[in-house]
Amino acid sequence: MTDHLRTFRKLAQANRLANARLHRALAQLPTEELVSPRPSFFGSIQATLNHILLVDRFYLNALQGHRLNRTALDQARACPDLSTLTRWQEAEDMALLAHVQGLTPDRLVEIVDVDRGDKTQHDRRDDLLSHLFQHQTHHRGQIHGMLSATPVKPPQLDEFIPGDDFAARADDMAALGWTEADLMR
């Protein structure tokens, strides 16, 4: 039998690990490289990072049962620097992980009201989580591509879920205070 809660928990952990790894690599770039115009949906590495944070805030807010928080979204959209963004992203990542860890099978299939301002969308929680993780992976991939056009080597972003990837994630896990038992339970 598939344990969907375990799957979503591991996806939330992988999301946190990938963001931490990506932000560490990006911290090596000068600000002008982060904001330099680049071919992408949002035009720069910084703007794409801001979008990732904005979407995390948008969906986590809905998943927690709250109405649209335009102030938090505007703040994410306009985040001016990487150090602030990194702190804010870490907080969202940990809040998302806590949300997922607190779910039960019944809560996973609940209908969530997503306030979009002009309308309310109604979707299952598991579908929203699947969408969120796919969306964030997609945009981290865009940043990975943009980073490859800078002097900083893009980090590996997909070594987090299979047990065989232990050695590749060991330093990241240690930096976050996580153990393999936390990830593999």
N, C-alpha and C. Protein backbone atom coordinates (compact mmCIF):
# COMPACT_ATOMS: atom_id res chain seq x y z
N MET A 1 0.84 -1.18 0.00
CA MET A 1 0.00 0.00 0.00
C MET A 1 0.89 1.25 0.00
N THR A 2 0.52 2.22 -0.78
CA THR A 2 1.28 3.45 -0.87
C THR A 2 1.01 4.33 0.34
N ASP A 3 2.07 4.87 0.91
CA ASP A 3 1.96 5.79 2.05
C ASP A 3 2.11 7.21 1.49
N HIS A 4 0.99 7.81 1.14
CA HIS A 4 1.02 9.15 0.53
C HIS A 4 1.59 10.19 1.48
N LEU A 5 1.35 10.05 2.77
CA LEU A 5 1.89 11.01 3.72
C LEU A 5 3.42 10.98 3.71
N ARG A 6 3.99 9.77 3.62
CA ARG A 6 5.45 9.64 3.55
C ARG A 6 5.96 10.30 2.27
N THR A 7 5.27 10.09 1.16
CA THR A 7 5.69 10.68 -0.11
C THR A 7 5.71 12.20 -0.02
N PHE A 8 4.64 12.79 0.50
CA PHE A 8 4.60 14.25 0.61
C PHE A 8 5.61 14.78 1.61
N ARG A 9 5.83 14.03 2.70
CA ARG A 9 6.84 14.46 3.68
C ARG A 9 8.22 14.49 3.02
N LYS A 10 8.54 13.44 2.23
CA LYS A 10 9.84 13.41 1.57
C LYS A 10 9.95 14.50 0.52
N LEU A 11 8.87 14.81 -0.16
CA LEU A 11 8.90 15.91 -1.13
C LEU A 11 9.13 17.24 -0.43
N ALA A 12 8.52 17.44 0.73
CA ALA A 12 8.74 18.68 1.49
C ALA A 12 10.18 18.76 1.98
N GLN A 13 10.74 17.62 2.39
CA GLN A 13 12.13 17.62 2.82
C GLN A 13 13.06 17.88 1.62
N ALA A 14 12.77 17.25 0.50
CA ALA A 14 13.58 17.48 -0.70
C ALA A 14 13.50 18.94 -1.13
N ASN A 15 12.33 19.54 -1.02
CA ASN A 15 12.14 20.95 -1.34
C ASN A 15 13.05 21.81 -0.46
N ARG A 16 13.07 21.53 0.84
CA ARG A 16 13.91 22.31 1.76
C ARG A 16 15.39 22.13 1.43
N LEU A 17 15.79 20.87 1.22
CA LEU A 17 17.19 20.59 0.92
C LEU A 17 17.63 21.26 -0.39
N ALA A 18 16.80 21.17 -1.42
CA ALA A 18 17.15 21.77 -2.71
C ALA A 18 17.26 23.29 -2.60
N ASN A 19 16.32 23.90 -1.89
CA ASN A 19 16.38 25.35 -1.72
C ASN A 19 17.63 25.76 -0.94
N ALA A 20 17.97 25.02 0.10
CA ALA A 20 19.16 25.35 0.89
C ALA A 20 20.41 25.24 0.02
N ARG A 21 20.49 24.18 -0.75
CA ARG A 21 21.66 23.97 -1.62
C ARG A 21 21.75 25.07 -2.69
N LEU A 22 20.62 25.40 -3.29
CA LEU A 22 20.60 26.43 -4.31
C LEU A 22 20.98 27.79 -3.73
N HIS A 23 20.43 28.14 -2.59
CA HIS A 23 20.73 29.44 -1.98
C HIS A 23 22.20 29.54 -1.57
N ARG A 24 22.79 28.43 -1.10
CA ARG A 24 24.23 28.44 -0.77
C ARG A 24 25.06 28.75 -2.00
N ALA A 25 24.72 28.13 -3.12
CA ALA A 25 25.46 28.39 -4.36
C ALA A 25 25.27 29.84 -4.79
N LEU A 26 24.04 30.32 -4.72
CA LEU A 26 23.76 31.69 -5.17
C LEU A 26 24.43 32.73 -4.29
N ALA A 27 24.70 32.40 -3.04
CA ALA A 27 25.38 33.34 -2.14
C ALA A 27 26.80 33.66 -2.62
N GLN A 28 27.34 32.85 -3.52
CA GLN A 28 28.67 33.10 -4.08
C GLN A 28 28.65 34.13 -5.20
N LEU A 29 27.47 34.47 -5.68
CA LEU A 29 27.35 35.42 -6.79
C LEU A 29 27.32 36.86 -6.29
N PRO A 30 27.94 37.77 -7.00
CA PRO A 30 27.75 39.18 -6.67
C PRO A 30 26.31 39.58 -7.02
N THR A 31 25.83 40.61 -6.34
CA THR A 31 24.45 41.07 -6.54
C THR A 31 24.15 41.35 -8.00
N GLU A 32 25.10 41.93 -8.72
CA GLU A 32 24.83 42.26 -10.13
C GLU A 32 24.53 41.02 -10.96
N GLU A 33 25.10 39.88 -10.60
CA GLU A 33 24.79 38.62 -11.31
C GLU A 33 23.37 38.14 -10.97
N LEU A 34 22.95 38.37 -9.74
CA LEU A 34 21.61 37.94 -9.32
C LEU A 34 20.51 38.73 -10.02
N VAL A 35 20.76 40.00 -10.24
CA VAL A 35 19.72 40.86 -10.81
C VAL A 35 19.92 41.13 -12.31
N SER A 36 21.00 40.62 -12.85
CA SER A 36 21.28 40.82 -14.28
C SER A 36 20.17 40.23 -15.13
N PRO A 37 19.74 40.96 -16.17
CA PRO A 37 18.70 40.42 -17.06
C PRO A 37 19.15 39.11 -17.73
N ARG A 38 18.26 38.13 -17.71
CA ARG A 38 18.55 36.83 -18.30
C ARG A 38 17.29 36.30 -18.98
N PRO A 39 17.46 35.49 -20.01
CA PRO A 39 16.29 34.89 -20.64
C PRO A 39 15.60 33.93 -19.67
N SER A 40 14.41 34.28 -19.23
CA SER A 40 13.64 33.45 -18.31
C SER A 40 12.25 34.04 -18.17
N PHE A 41 11.36 33.33 -17.51
CA PHE A 41 10.00 33.82 -17.29
C PHE A 41 10.01 35.17 -16.56
N PHE A 42 10.90 35.31 -15.59
CA PHE A 42 10.86 36.48 -14.72
C PHE A 42 12.02 37.44 -14.94
N GLY A 43 12.95 37.10 -15.81
CA GLY A 43 13.96 38.06 -16.24
C GLY A 43 15.27 38.10 -15.49
N SER A 44 15.34 37.45 -14.32
CA SER A 44 16.60 37.41 -13.57
C SER A 44 16.53 36.28 -12.55
N ILE A 45 17.70 35.95 -12.01
CA ILE A 45 17.74 34.95 -10.95
C ILE A 45 16.96 35.46 -9.74
N GLN A 46 17.20 36.70 -9.33
CA GLN A 46 16.53 37.26 -8.15
C GLN A 46 15.01 37.25 -8.33
N ALA A 47 14.53 37.68 -9.47
CA ALA A 47 13.08 37.73 -9.70
C ALA A 47 12.47 36.33 -9.68
N THR A 48 13.21 35.33 -10.16
CA THR A 48 12.70 33.96 -10.14
C THR A 48 12.69 33.43 -8.71
N LEU A 49 13.71 33.73 -7.93
CA LEU A 49 13.71 33.36 -6.51
C LEU A 49 12.53 34.00 -5.79
N ASN A 50 12.30 35.27 -6.09
CA ASN A 50 11.17 35.97 -5.46
C ASN A 50 9.86 35.28 -5.81
N HIS A 51 9.73 34.83 -7.05
CA HIS A 51 8.52 34.14 -7.48
C HIS A 51 8.34 32.82 -6.73
N ILE A 52 9.41 32.08 -6.54
CA ILE A 52 9.33 30.83 -5.78
C ILE A 52 8.81 31.12 -4.37
N LEU A 53 9.36 32.13 -3.73
CA LEU A 53 8.91 32.50 -2.38
C LEU A 53 7.44 32.92 -2.40
N LEU A 54 7.06 33.73 -3.36
CA LEU A 54 5.68 34.20 -3.47
C LEU A 54 4.72 33.01 -3.59
N VAL A 55 5.04 32.07 -4.43
CA VAL A 55 4.15 30.92 -4.64
C VAL A 55 4.09 30.05 -3.39
N ASP A 56 5.22 29.86 -2.73
CA ASP A 56 5.19 29.13 -1.45
C ASP A 56 4.26 29.83 -0.47
N ARG A 57 4.39 31.13 -0.34
CA ARG A 57 3.53 31.87 0.58
C ARG A 57 2.06 31.76 0.18
N PHE A 58 1.79 31.88 -1.10
CA PHE A 58 0.41 31.82 -1.58
C PHE A 58 -0.25 30.49 -1.22
N TYR A 59 0.41 29.38 -1.59
CA TYR A 59 -0.20 28.08 -1.38
C TYR A 59 -0.18 27.65 0.08
N LEU A 60 0.89 27.93 0.80
CA LEU A 60 0.92 27.56 2.21
C LEU A 60 -0.16 28.30 2.98
N ASN A 61 -0.36 29.55 2.65
CA ASN A 61 -1.42 30.34 3.27
C ASN A 61 -2.78 29.66 3.06
N ALA A 62 -3.05 29.23 1.83
CA ALA A 62 -4.31 28.55 1.54
C ALA A 62 -4.38 27.20 2.24
N LEU A 63 -3.29 26.44 2.21
CA LEU A 63 -3.27 25.13 2.84
C LEU A 63 -3.52 25.22 4.34
N GLN A 64 -3.13 26.34 4.93
CA GLN A 64 -3.34 26.55 6.37
C GLN A 64 -4.73 27.14 6.67
N GLY A 65 -5.53 27.34 5.62
CA GLY A 65 -6.90 27.80 5.82
C GLY A 65 -7.08 29.30 5.93
N HIS A 66 -6.13 30.06 5.42
CA HIS A 66 -6.19 31.52 5.52
C HIS A 66 -6.67 32.15 4.21
N ARG A 67 -7.14 33.36 4.33
CA ARG A 67 -7.53 34.17 3.16
C ARG A 67 -6.26 34.71 2.50
N LEU A 68 -6.41 35.22 1.30
CA LEU A 68 -5.30 35.78 0.53
C LEU A 68 -4.59 36.87 1.34
N ASN A 69 -3.27 36.80 1.38
CA ASN A 69 -2.46 37.78 2.11
C ASN A 69 -1.63 38.55 1.10
N ARG A 70 -2.23 39.59 0.56
CA ARG A 70 -1.55 40.38 -0.48
C ARG A 70 -0.26 41.03 0.02
N THR A 71 -0.23 41.42 1.28
CA THR A 71 0.97 42.06 1.83
C THR A 71 2.16 41.10 1.78
N ALA A 72 1.94 39.86 2.20
CA ALA A 72 3.02 38.87 2.18
C ALA A 72 3.47 38.57 0.76
N LEU A 73 2.52 38.55 -0.18
CA LEU A 73 2.88 38.29 -1.58
C LEU A 73 3.64 39.47 -2.18
N ASP A 74 3.20 40.68 -1.89
CA ASP A 74 3.91 41.87 -2.39
C ASP A 74 5.33 41.93 -1.82
N GLN A 75 5.46 41.58 -0.54
CA GLN A 75 6.77 41.57 0.11
C GLN A 75 7.69 40.56 -0.59
N ALA A 76 7.18 39.38 -0.89
CA ALA A 76 7.98 38.36 -1.58
C ALA A 76 8.35 38.82 -2.98
N ARG A 77 7.41 39.40 -3.70
CA ARG A 77 7.65 39.84 -5.07
C ARG A 77 8.76 40.89 -5.12
N ALA A 78 8.86 41.70 -4.10
CA ALA A 78 9.81 42.82 -4.10
C ALA A 78 11.03 42.59 -3.20
N CYS A 79 11.25 41.35 -2.76
CA CYS A 79 12.38 41.10 -1.87
C CYS A 79 13.67 41.60 -2.53
N PRO A 80 14.39 42.50 -1.85
CA PRO A 80 15.49 43.20 -2.50
C PRO A 80 16.84 42.49 -2.51
N ASP A 81 17.03 41.50 -1.63
CA ASP A 81 18.37 40.93 -1.55
C ASP A 81 18.32 39.45 -1.19
N LEU A 82 19.40 38.75 -1.52
CA LEU A 82 19.45 37.31 -1.33
C LEU A 82 19.45 36.90 0.13
N SER A 83 20.13 37.64 1.00
CA SER A 83 20.18 37.21 2.40
C SER A 83 18.79 37.25 3.05
N THR A 84 18.03 38.28 2.76
CA THR A 84 16.66 38.35 3.27
C THR A 84 15.82 37.25 2.66
N LEU A 85 15.92 37.09 1.36
CA LEU A 85 15.16 36.05 0.67
C LEU A 85 15.49 34.66 1.21
N THR A 86 16.75 34.41 1.48
CA THR A 86 17.15 33.10 2.00
C THR A 86 16.50 32.84 3.35
N ARG A 87 16.48 33.83 4.22
CA ARG A 87 15.82 33.67 5.53
C ARG A 87 14.32 33.43 5.37
N TRP A 88 13.70 34.24 4.51
CA TRP A 88 12.26 34.08 4.30
C TRP A 88 11.93 32.74 3.67
N GLN A 89 12.76 32.29 2.71
CA GLN A 89 12.51 31.01 2.06
C GLN A 89 12.67 29.86 3.04
N GLU A 90 13.68 29.93 3.89
CA GLU A 90 13.86 28.90 4.90
C GLU A 90 12.63 28.81 5.80
N ALA A 91 12.11 29.95 6.21
CA ALA A 91 10.92 29.95 7.07
C ALA A 91 9.73 29.31 6.36
N GLU A 92 9.54 29.63 5.08
CA GLU A 92 8.43 29.02 4.32
C GLU A 92 8.65 27.52 4.14
N ASP A 93 9.88 27.14 3.85
CA ASP A 93 10.19 25.72 3.67
C ASP A 93 9.88 24.93 4.95
N MET A 94 10.29 25.48 6.07
CA MET A 94 10.06 24.78 7.34
C MET A 94 8.58 24.78 7.71
N ALA A 95 7.87 25.85 7.40
CA ALA A 95 6.43 25.88 7.65
C ALA A 95 5.70 24.87 6.77
N LEU A 96 6.12 24.74 5.53
CA LEU A 96 5.52 23.76 4.63
C LEU A 96 5.81 22.35 5.13
N LEU A 97 7.02 22.10 5.55
CA LEU A 97 7.37 20.79 6.09
C LEU A 97 6.54 20.48 7.33
N ALA A 98 6.40 21.44 8.23
CA ALA A 98 5.58 21.24 9.43
C ALA A 98 4.13 20.96 9.06
N HIS A 99 3.63 21.68 8.06
CA HIS A 99 2.25 21.45 7.61
C HIS A 99 2.09 20.01 7.12
N VAL A 100 3.00 19.57 6.27
CA VAL A 100 2.91 18.22 5.71
C VAL A 100 3.06 17.18 6.82
N GLN A 101 3.98 17.40 7.75
CA GLN A 101 4.19 16.43 8.83
C GLN A 101 2.96 16.32 9.74
N GLY A 102 2.14 17.36 9.78
CA GLY A 102 0.96 17.35 10.62
C GLY A 102 -0.28 16.76 9.95
N LEU A 103 -0.16 16.34 8.71
CA LEU A 103 -1.32 15.83 7.99
C LEU A 103 -1.66 14.40 8.38
N THR A 104 -2.91 14.07 8.20
CA THR A 104 -3.42 12.71 8.34
C THR A 104 -3.97 12.30 6.98
N PRO A 105 -4.23 11.02 6.76
CA PRO A 105 -4.82 10.63 5.49
C PRO A 105 -6.12 11.39 5.18
N ASP A 106 -6.96 11.62 6.18
CA ASP A 106 -8.20 12.36 5.95
C ASP A 106 -7.95 13.80 5.56
N ARG A 107 -6.99 14.44 6.20
CA ARG A 107 -6.69 15.84 5.87
C ARG A 107 -6.06 15.97 4.49
N LEU A 108 -5.33 14.94 4.08
CA LEU A 108 -4.67 14.98 2.78
C LEU A 108 -5.68 15.10 1.64
N VAL A 109 -6.86 14.54 1.81
CA VAL A 109 -7.87 14.57 0.74
C VAL A 109 -8.94 15.63 0.97
N GLU A 110 -8.79 16.45 1.98
CA GLU A 110 -9.74 17.55 2.21
C GLU A 110 -9.72 18.53 1.05
N ILE A 111 -10.85 19.18 0.86
CA ILE A 111 -10.93 20.27 -0.12
C ILE A 111 -10.44 21.55 0.56
N VAL A 112 -9.53 22.23 -0.12
CA VAL A 112 -8.96 23.48 0.39
C VAL A 112 -9.52 24.62 -0.45
N ASP A 113 -9.93 25.69 0.22
CA ASP A 113 -10.37 26.91 -0.46
C ASP A 113 -9.14 27.77 -0.71
N VAL A 114 -8.89 28.08 -1.97
CA VAL A 114 -7.74 28.89 -2.36
C VAL A 114 -8.28 30.25 -2.80
N ASP A 115 -8.08 31.25 -1.95
CA ASP A 115 -8.54 32.61 -2.23
C ASP A 115 -7.59 33.25 -3.24
N ARG A 116 -8.10 33.52 -4.42
CA ARG A 116 -7.31 34.15 -5.47
C ARG A 116 -7.66 35.63 -5.64
N GLY A 117 -8.39 36.18 -4.69
CA GLY A 117 -8.76 37.59 -4.75
C GLY A 117 -10.06 37.80 -5.49
N ASP A 118 -10.09 37.44 -6.76
CA ASP A 118 -11.29 37.64 -7.58
C ASP A 118 -12.17 36.39 -7.62
N LYS A 119 -11.67 35.28 -7.13
CA LYS A 119 -12.44 34.05 -7.08
C LYS A 119 -11.83 33.12 -6.04
N THR A 120 -12.58 32.10 -5.68
CA THR A 120 -12.08 31.08 -4.77
C THR A 120 -12.03 29.76 -5.51
N GLN A 121 -10.88 29.17 -5.51
CA GLN A 121 -10.63 27.88 -6.15
C GLN A 121 -10.80 26.80 -5.08
N HIS A 122 -11.29 25.64 -5.45
CA HIS A 122 -11.49 24.55 -4.50
C HIS A 122 -10.77 23.31 -5.04
N ASP A 123 -9.75 22.87 -4.32
CA ASP A 123 -8.98 21.71 -4.76
C ASP A 123 -8.62 20.84 -3.56
N ARG A 124 -8.37 19.57 -3.87
CA ARG A 124 -7.90 18.67 -2.83
C ARG A 124 -6.52 19.09 -2.36
N ARG A 125 -6.27 18.90 -1.07
CA ARG A 125 -4.97 19.26 -0.50
C ARG A 125 -3.83 18.50 -1.19
N ASP A 126 -4.00 17.21 -1.46
CA ASP A 126 -2.92 16.46 -2.10
C ASP A 126 -2.63 16.98 -3.51
N ASP A 127 -3.67 17.42 -4.22
CA ASP A 127 -3.45 17.99 -5.55
C ASP A 127 -2.70 19.32 -5.47
N LEU A 128 -3.03 20.13 -4.49
CA LEU A 128 -2.33 21.42 -4.32
C LEU A 128 -0.87 21.19 -3.95
N LEU A 129 -0.63 20.23 -3.06
CA LEU A 129 0.76 19.93 -2.70
C LEU A 129 1.54 19.41 -3.90
N SER A 130 0.94 18.52 -4.67
CA SER A 130 1.61 18.01 -5.87
C SER A 130 1.96 19.15 -6.82
N HIS A 131 0.99 20.04 -7.02
CA HIS A 131 1.23 21.19 -7.90
C HIS A 131 2.35 22.07 -7.34
N LEU A 132 2.32 22.34 -6.06
CA LEU A 132 3.33 23.22 -5.46
C LEU A 132 4.73 22.64 -5.63
N PHE A 133 4.90 21.36 -5.33
CA PHE A 133 6.24 20.77 -5.45
C PHE A 133 6.71 20.75 -6.90
N GLN A 134 5.82 20.46 -7.82
CA GLN A 134 6.18 20.47 -9.25
C GLN A 134 6.55 21.89 -9.69
N HIS A 135 5.77 22.85 -9.29
CA HIS A 135 6.01 24.26 -9.65
C HIS A 135 7.38 24.71 -9.15
N GLN A 136 7.67 24.42 -7.89
CA GLN A 136 8.93 24.89 -7.32
C GLN A 136 10.13 24.18 -7.98
N THR A 137 9.99 22.90 -8.28
CA THR A 137 11.06 22.18 -8.98
C THR A 137 11.30 22.80 -10.36
N HIS A 138 10.23 23.12 -11.03
CA HIS A 138 10.30 23.75 -12.36
C HIS A 138 11.11 25.05 -12.31
N HIS A 139 10.78 25.91 -11.36
CA HIS A 139 11.47 27.20 -11.31
C HIS A 139 12.89 27.10 -10.75
N ARG A 140 13.14 26.14 -9.85
CA ARG A 140 14.53 25.92 -9.43
C ARG A 140 15.36 25.46 -10.63
N GLY A 141 14.75 24.68 -11.51
CA GLY A 141 15.44 24.26 -12.72
C GLY A 141 15.80 25.44 -13.61
N GLN A 142 14.91 26.42 -13.68
CA GLN A 142 15.22 27.62 -14.47
C GLN A 142 16.40 28.37 -13.85
N ILE A 143 16.41 28.47 -12.54
CA ILE A 143 17.53 29.15 -11.86
C ILE A 143 18.82 28.37 -12.10
N HIS A 144 18.72 27.06 -12.04
CA HIS A 144 19.88 26.20 -12.31
C HIS A 144 20.46 26.52 -13.69
N GLY A 145 19.58 26.65 -14.68
CA GLY A 145 20.02 26.99 -16.03
C GLY A 145 20.65 28.37 -16.09
N MET A 146 20.04 29.35 -15.43
CA MET A 146 20.61 30.70 -15.42
C MET A 146 21.95 30.72 -14.70
N LEU A 147 22.05 29.96 -13.62
CA LEU A 147 23.29 29.91 -12.85
C LEU A 147 24.43 29.33 -13.68
N SER A 148 24.10 28.43 -14.61
CA SER A 148 25.15 27.83 -15.44
C SER A 148 25.81 28.86 -16.37
N ALA A 149 25.19 30.03 -16.53
CA ALA A 149 25.78 31.10 -17.34
C ALA A 149 26.57 32.09 -16.49
N THR A 150 26.89 31.70 -15.25
CA THR A 150 27.69 32.53 -14.34
C THR A 150 28.95 31.75 -13.98
N PRO A 151 29.86 32.39 -13.25
CA PRO A 151 31.08 31.67 -12.83
C PRO A 151 30.82 30.59 -11.76
N VAL A 152 29.64 30.58 -11.14
CA VAL A 152 29.34 29.63 -10.07
C VAL A 152 28.74 28.35 -10.66
N LYS A 153 29.30 27.23 -10.27
CA LYS A 153 28.80 25.94 -10.75
C LYS A 153 27.43 25.66 -10.13
N PRO A 154 26.43 25.33 -10.95
CA PRO A 154 25.11 25.00 -10.40
C PRO A 154 25.18 23.74 -9.54
N PRO A 155 24.49 23.75 -8.41
CA PRO A 155 24.52 22.57 -7.54
C PRO A 155 23.60 21.46 -8.06
N GLN A 156 23.89 20.26 -7.66
CA GLN A 156 23.01 19.13 -7.92
C GLN A 156 21.74 19.33 -7.09
N LEU A 157 20.58 19.22 -7.70
CA LEU A 157 19.34 19.51 -6.98
C LEU A 157 18.41 18.31 -6.83
N ASP A 158 18.84 17.13 -7.26
CA ASP A 158 17.90 16.00 -7.23
C ASP A 158 18.40 14.79 -6.45
N GLU A 159 19.29 14.95 -5.52
CA GLU A 159 19.84 13.81 -4.78
C GLU A 159 19.29 13.76 -3.36
N PHE A 160 17.99 13.59 -3.24
CA PHE A 160 17.44 13.68 -1.90
C PHE A 160 16.50 12.57 -1.48
N ILE A 161 15.87 11.89 -2.40
CA ILE A 161 14.82 10.97 -1.99
C ILE A 161 15.31 9.52 -1.91
N PRO A 162 15.96 8.94 -2.93
CA PRO A 162 16.38 7.54 -2.83
C PRO A 162 17.47 7.34 -1.78
N GLY A 163 17.44 6.18 -1.13
CA GLY A 163 18.43 5.86 -0.11
C GLY A 163 19.85 5.86 -0.65
N ASP A 164 20.00 5.52 -1.91
CA ASP A 164 21.32 5.46 -2.54
C ASP A 164 22.01 6.82 -2.62
N ASP A 165 21.25 7.88 -2.48
CA ASP A 165 21.81 9.23 -2.58
C ASP A 165 22.40 9.73 -1.25
N PHE A 166 22.52 8.84 -0.27
CA PHE A 166 22.97 9.24 1.06
C PHE A 166 24.24 10.09 1.04
N ALA A 167 25.27 9.62 0.36
CA ALA A 167 26.55 10.34 0.38
C ALA A 167 26.43 11.72 -0.24
N ALA A 168 25.61 11.88 -1.26
CA ALA A 168 25.46 13.16 -1.95
C ALA A 168 24.72 14.19 -1.10
N ARG A 169 23.93 13.73 -0.13
CA ARG A 169 23.15 14.68 0.68
C ARG A 169 23.65 14.78 2.12
N ALA A 170 24.66 14.03 2.48
CA ALA A 170 25.10 13.95 3.88
C ALA A 170 25.44 15.32 4.47
N ASP A 171 26.20 16.14 3.76
CA ASP A 171 26.57 17.46 4.28
C ASP A 171 25.36 18.36 4.44
N ASP A 172 24.45 18.31 3.46
CA ASP A 172 23.24 19.12 3.54
C ASP A 172 22.36 18.68 4.71
N MET A 173 22.24 17.39 4.88
CA MET A 173 21.43 16.87 5.99
C MET A 173 22.03 17.32 7.32
N ALA A 174 23.33 17.22 7.45
CA ALA A 174 24.00 17.64 8.69
C ALA A 174 23.79 19.13 8.95
N ALA A 175 23.90 19.94 7.89
CA ALA A 175 23.72 21.39 8.04
C ALA A 175 22.31 21.74 8.52
N LEU A 176 21.34 20.93 8.13
CA LEU A 176 19.95 21.18 8.54
C LEU A 176 19.59 20.48 9.85
N GLY A 177 20.53 19.69 10.39
CA GLY A 177 20.26 18.98 11.63
C GLY A 177 19.34 17.78 11.45
N TRP A 178 19.30 17.25 10.23
CA TRP A 178 18.45 16.10 9.94
C TRP A 178 19.29 14.83 9.89
N THR A 179 18.64 13.70 10.11
CA THR A 179 19.30 12.42 10.00
C THR A 179 18.66 11.61 8.88
N GLU A 180 19.34 10.59 8.46
CA GLU A 180 18.76 9.68 7.47
C GLU A 180 17.48 9.04 8.00
N ALA A 181 17.44 8.80 9.30
CA ALA A 181 16.22 8.22 9.89
C ALA A 181 15.05 9.18 9.73
N ASP A 182 15.31 10.50 9.83
CA ASP A 182 14.24 11.49 9.62
C ASP A 182 13.70 11.40 8.20
N LEU A 183 14.61 11.25 7.24
CA LEU A 183 14.23 11.24 5.83
C LEU A 183 13.60 9.92 5.41
N MET A 184 14.10 8.83 5.91
CA MET A 184 13.69 7.51 5.42
C MET A 184 12.56 6.85 6.21
N ARG A 185 12.06 7.50 7.23
CA ARG A 185 10.99 6.86 8.04
C ARG A 185 9.73 6.68 7.25
